[in-house]
Amino acid sequence: KAGDSMTVTSEKINVSIVAKEVAVEWTVDSNLTYTGTEKSVTAIYKDIKGADVVLTVAEVNGLTAINAGEYTFVATNDDANYTITNTQTTITIAKAQVAAEWTVDSNLTYTGTEKTVTAIYKDVNGLDVVLTVAEKNGLTAINVGTYTFVATNDDANYDLNANTETTIEIVAKEVAVEWTVDANLVYNGTEKTISAIYKDVNGLDVVLTVAEKNGLTAIN
């Protein structure tokens, strides 16, 4: 009716806009074998317009992903309008595979001195890395015989997976017998003296055992 009065009241309505949940998309270095350089690990998410948003990425233990081993990365987001999932990824850097290259003493004839046997591998920069070499049975390669050497590597970034052993054979030195025969080969009723020596690797005389081939005594 005309003249009636009306009272209008209002109430507040609180709304809460929640962050949009998005999944992290990780990109990891295509080469996860040790190279001596840091591996790249990046992360993004797609915003509501489909654009890439780059996230901050850090290794959880503060490590730099260079050496062989396992690394876990975490992505963090500073935009409160987005909540990210799939926030971590783990990579494993594998050891570089290398083969031993052997260098053996150029003279494998017995000389009375130890033969040199060494081994190296090429690192990721092409440089020679000297390996630890030991004779498999703890022998010293001096005397005539067969010796097997084993190379070992103490660098955790490399797997010495090929040509880890080599074998050498030291052969006997060839020497000539030098004979000394009794100066008097006229019969005198006494045994004739016949002796033999050879010169060793130091030039010293080594007396040989001498016997008459048919077991005879050189008297008559």
Protein backbone atom coordinates (compact mmCIF):
# COMPACT_ATOMS: atom_id res chain seq x y z
CA LYS A 1 0.00 0.00 0.00
CA ALA A 2 0.97 3.53 -0.54
CA GLY A 3 2.68 4.87 2.42
CA ASP A 4 3.90 1.49 3.69
CA SER A 5 7.57 1.47 4.62
CA MET A 6 10.07 -1.24 3.59
CA THR A 7 13.28 -2.34 5.26
CA VAL A 8 16.03 -3.85 3.14
CA THR A 9 18.80 -5.79 4.83
CA SER A 10 22.02 -7.16 3.30
CA GLU A 11 24.37 -10.02 4.25
CA LYS A 12 28.05 -10.46 3.42
CA ILE A 13 29.03 -13.56 1.46
CA ASN A 14 32.67 -14.65 1.70
CA VAL A 15 34.09 -16.62 -1.17
CA SER A 16 37.43 -18.36 -1.25
CA ILE A 17 39.25 -18.75 -4.54
CA VAL A 18 41.55 -21.71 -4.33
CA ALA A 19 44.80 -22.07 -6.21
CA LYS A 20 44.76 -24.04 -9.43
CA GLU A 21 46.52 -27.37 -9.17
CA VAL A 22 49.08 -27.99 -11.90
CA ALA A 23 51.59 -30.79 -12.49
CA VAL A 24 55.26 -30.10 -12.89
CA GLU A 25 56.79 -31.15 -16.21
CA TRP A 26 60.46 -32.09 -15.88
CA THR A 27 63.17 -31.95 -18.56
CA VAL A 28 66.33 -33.90 -17.83
CA ASP A 29 69.69 -33.84 -19.61
CA SER A 30 69.64 -36.29 -22.52
CA ASN A 31 73.03 -37.73 -21.52
CA LEU A 32 73.12 -39.13 -18.00
CA THR A 33 76.57 -40.68 -18.28
CA TYR A 34 79.45 -38.92 -16.51
CA THR A 35 81.05 -36.29 -18.76
CA GLY A 36 82.68 -34.01 -16.19
CA THR A 37 80.05 -31.32 -16.76
CA GLU A 38 76.90 -30.51 -14.82
CA LYS A 39 73.67 -32.16 -15.95
CA SER A 40 70.74 -29.89 -16.72
CA VAL A 41 67.43 -30.46 -14.92
CA THR A 42 64.59 -27.98 -15.44
CA ALA A 43 60.90 -27.83 -14.57
CA ILE A 44 57.83 -25.93 -15.80
CA TYR A 45 54.08 -25.93 -15.41
CA LYS A 46 51.38 -24.74 -17.81
CA ASP A 47 49.41 -21.73 -16.60
CA ILE A 48 45.69 -21.27 -17.32
CA LYS A 49 46.54 -19.81 -20.71
CA GLY A 50 48.74 -22.75 -21.64
CA ALA A 51 51.96 -20.79 -21.34
CA ASP A 52 55.08 -22.34 -19.80
CA VAL A 53 56.04 -21.06 -16.37
CA VAL A 54 59.61 -21.85 -15.36
CA LEU A 55 60.03 -23.12 -11.80
CA THR A 56 62.95 -22.81 -9.43
CA VAL A 57 64.81 -26.13 -9.24
CA ALA A 58 67.33 -27.19 -6.61
CA GLU A 59 69.02 -30.46 -5.65
CA VAL A 60 67.62 -31.48 -2.26
CA ASN A 61 71.05 -32.04 -0.67
CA GLY A 62 72.68 -29.03 -2.29
CA LEU A 63 74.72 -31.21 -4.62
CA THR A 64 75.87 -30.32 -8.12
CA ALA A 65 74.93 -33.03 -10.60
CA ILE A 66 78.35 -33.69 -12.11
CA ASN A 67 79.76 -36.87 -10.60
CA ALA A 68 78.36 -40.37 -11.00
CA GLY A 69 75.58 -41.02 -8.50
CA GLU A 70 71.96 -40.27 -7.64
CA TYR A 71 70.49 -36.78 -7.36
CA THR A 72 67.00 -35.67 -6.32
CA PHE A 73 65.64 -32.33 -7.46
CA VAL A 74 62.73 -30.35 -6.06
CA ALA A 75 60.75 -27.65 -7.86
CA THR A 76 59.29 -24.66 -6.03
CA ASN A 77 56.64 -22.19 -7.16
CA ASP A 78 56.27 -18.58 -6.00
CA ASP A 79 52.88 -17.89 -7.61
CA ALA A 80 50.16 -18.32 -4.97
CA ASN A 81 47.54 -18.84 -7.67
CA TYR A 82 48.98 -22.25 -8.50
CA THR A 83 49.64 -25.35 -6.44
CA ILE A 84 52.14 -27.71 -8.02
CA THR A 85 52.24 -31.49 -7.92
CA ASN A 86 54.98 -33.90 -9.10
CA THR A 87 57.42 -31.59 -7.31
CA GLN A 88 60.42 -33.96 -7.26
CA THR A 89 62.43 -35.98 -9.75
CA THR A 90 65.49 -38.19 -9.34
CA ILE A 91 68.26 -38.81 -11.83
CA THR A 92 71.17 -41.24 -11.79
CA ILE A 93 74.43 -40.29 -13.49
CA ALA A 94 76.15 -43.46 -14.70
CA LYS A 95 79.89 -44.01 -14.67
CA ALA A 96 81.81 -43.45 -17.91
CA GLN A 97 82.88 -46.77 -19.43
CA VAL A 98 86.60 -47.02 -20.18
CA ALA A 99 89.11 -49.66 -21.23
CA ALA A 100 92.66 -50.10 -19.98
CA GLU A 101 95.51 -49.47 -22.42
CA TRP A 102 98.65 -51.45 -21.57
CA THR A 103 102.32 -50.70 -22.12
CA VAL A 104 104.69 -53.63 -21.69
CA ASP A 105 108.47 -53.69 -21.42
CA SER A 106 109.95 -53.79 -24.92
CA ASN A 107 112.41 -56.51 -23.90
CA LEU A 108 110.77 -59.66 -22.54
CA THR A 109 113.98 -61.67 -22.51
CA TYR A 110 115.45 -62.41 -19.07
CA THR A 111 117.81 -59.62 -18.00
CA GLY A 112 117.82 -60.05 -14.23
CA THR A 113 115.79 -56.87 -13.77
CA GLU A 114 112.07 -56.40 -13.28
CA LYS A 115 109.96 -55.89 -16.39
CA THR A 116 107.82 -52.76 -16.53
CA VAL A 117 104.09 -53.14 -17.12
CA THR A 118 101.85 -50.07 -16.91
CA ALA A 119 98.24 -49.22 -17.75
CA ILE A 120 96.21 -46.09 -18.39
CA TYR A 121 92.74 -45.11 -19.51
CA LYS A 122 91.57 -42.00 -21.33
CA ASP A 123 89.34 -39.73 -19.25
CA VAL A 124 86.40 -37.76 -20.64
CA ASN A 125 88.79 -34.99 -21.67
CA GLY A 126 91.08 -37.40 -23.54
CA LEU A 127 93.80 -37.22 -20.90
CA ASP A 128 95.78 -40.25 -19.72
CA VAL A 129 94.93 -41.50 -16.23
CA VAL A 130 97.46 -43.91 -14.73
CA LEU A 131 95.95 -47.07 -13.25
CA THR A 132 97.18 -49.15 -10.35
CA VAL A 133 98.79 -52.32 -11.72
CA ALA A 134 99.63 -55.46 -9.73
CA GLU A 135 100.75 -58.95 -10.67
CA LYS A 136 97.77 -61.23 -10.06
CA ASN A 137 99.67 -63.72 -7.89
CA GLY A 138 101.91 -61.20 -6.16
CA LEU A 139 104.93 -62.16 -8.26
CA THR A 140 107.74 -59.86 -9.40
CA ALA A 141 108.29 -60.12 -13.15
CA ILE A 142 112.03 -60.84 -13.20
CA ASN A 143 112.55 -64.53 -13.83
CA VAL A 144 111.56 -66.61 -16.82
CA GLY A 145 107.85 -67.42 -16.71
CA THR A 146 104.32 -66.17 -17.29
CA TYR A 147 102.91 -63.21 -15.36
CA THR A 148 99.39 -61.83 -15.35
CA PHE A 149 98.78 -58.21 -14.40
CA VAL A 150 95.53 -56.63 -13.25
CA ALA A 151 94.66 -52.94 -13.51
CA THR A 152 92.37 -51.27 -10.95
CA ASN A 153 90.73 -47.85 -10.93
CA ASP A 154 89.96 -45.73 -7.88
CA ASP A 155 87.93 -42.99 -9.58
CA ALA A 156 84.22 -43.48 -8.85
CA ASN A 157 83.26 -41.66 -12.05
CA TYR A 158 84.75 -44.35 -14.30
CA ASP A 159 83.96 -48.01 -14.76
CA LEU A 160 87.02 -49.89 -15.98
CA ASN A 161 85.04 -52.53 -17.84
CA ALA A 162 87.37 -53.79 -20.56
CA ASN A 163 90.92 -55.06 -21.02
CA THR A 164 91.54 -55.09 -17.26
CA GLU A 165 94.21 -57.81 -17.45
CA THR A 166 97.28 -58.52 -19.53
CA THR A 167 99.74 -61.41 -19.55
CA ILE A 168 103.44 -61.37 -20.40
CA GLU A 169 105.97 -64.15 -20.81
CA ILE A 170 109.62 -63.64 -19.96
CA VAL A 171 111.77 -65.93 -22.06
CA ALA A 172 115.21 -67.34 -21.26
CA LYS A 173 118.27 -65.48 -22.47
CA GLU A 174 120.26 -67.38 -25.05
CA VAL A 175 123.94 -67.77 -24.10
CA ALA A 176 126.89 -69.55 -25.69
CA VAL A 177 128.97 -72.10 -23.80
CA GLU A 178 132.68 -71.32 -23.52
CA TRP A 179 134.83 -74.45 -23.22
CA THR A 180 138.22 -74.85 -21.58
CA VAL A 181 140.10 -78.02 -22.50
CA ASP A 182 143.20 -79.48 -20.87
CA ALA A 183 146.26 -77.95 -22.47
CA ASN A 184 147.94 -81.36 -22.74
CA LEU A 185 145.93 -83.85 -24.73
CA VAL A 186 148.78 -86.39 -24.87
CA TYR A 187 148.14 -89.53 -22.90
CA ASN A 188 149.76 -89.31 -19.47
CA GLY A 189 147.61 -91.65 -17.40
CA THR A 190 145.65 -88.87 -15.72
CA GLU A 191 142.19 -87.58 -16.46
CA LYS A 192 142.02 -84.65 -18.79
CA THR A 193 140.24 -81.55 -17.49
CA ILE A 194 137.37 -80.12 -19.50
CA SER A 195 135.23 -77.35 -18.12
CA ALA A 196 132.54 -75.02 -19.43
CA ILE A 197 131.06 -71.68 -18.50
CA TYR A 198 128.66 -69.08 -19.84
CA LYS A 199 128.47 -65.37 -19.19
CA ASP A 200 125.39 -64.31 -17.22
CA VAL A 201 123.47 -61.04 -17.81
CA ASN A 202 125.95 -59.23 -15.57
CA GLY A 203 128.94 -60.56 -17.49
CA LEU A 204 129.93 -62.98 -14.72
CA ASP A 205 131.14 -66.53 -15.37
CA VAL A 206 128.67 -69.27 -14.48
CA VAL A 207 130.26 -72.72 -14.24
CA LEU A 208 128.33 -75.46 -16.00
CA THR A 209 128.11 -79.11 -15.10
CA VAL A 210 130.11 -81.14 -17.62
CA ALA A 211 129.82 -84.88 -18.22
CA GLU A 212 131.20 -87.22 -20.89
CA LYS A 213 128.30 -88.15 -23.13
CA ASN A 214 128.89 -91.89 -22.89
CA GLY A 215 129.91 -91.92 -19.24
CA LEU A 216 133.61 -92.37 -20.06
CA THR A 217 136.55 -90.94 -18.17
CA ALA A 218 138.95 -88.97 -20.37
CA ILE A 219 142.17 -90.77 -19.49
CA ASN A 220 142.98 -93.22 -22.23
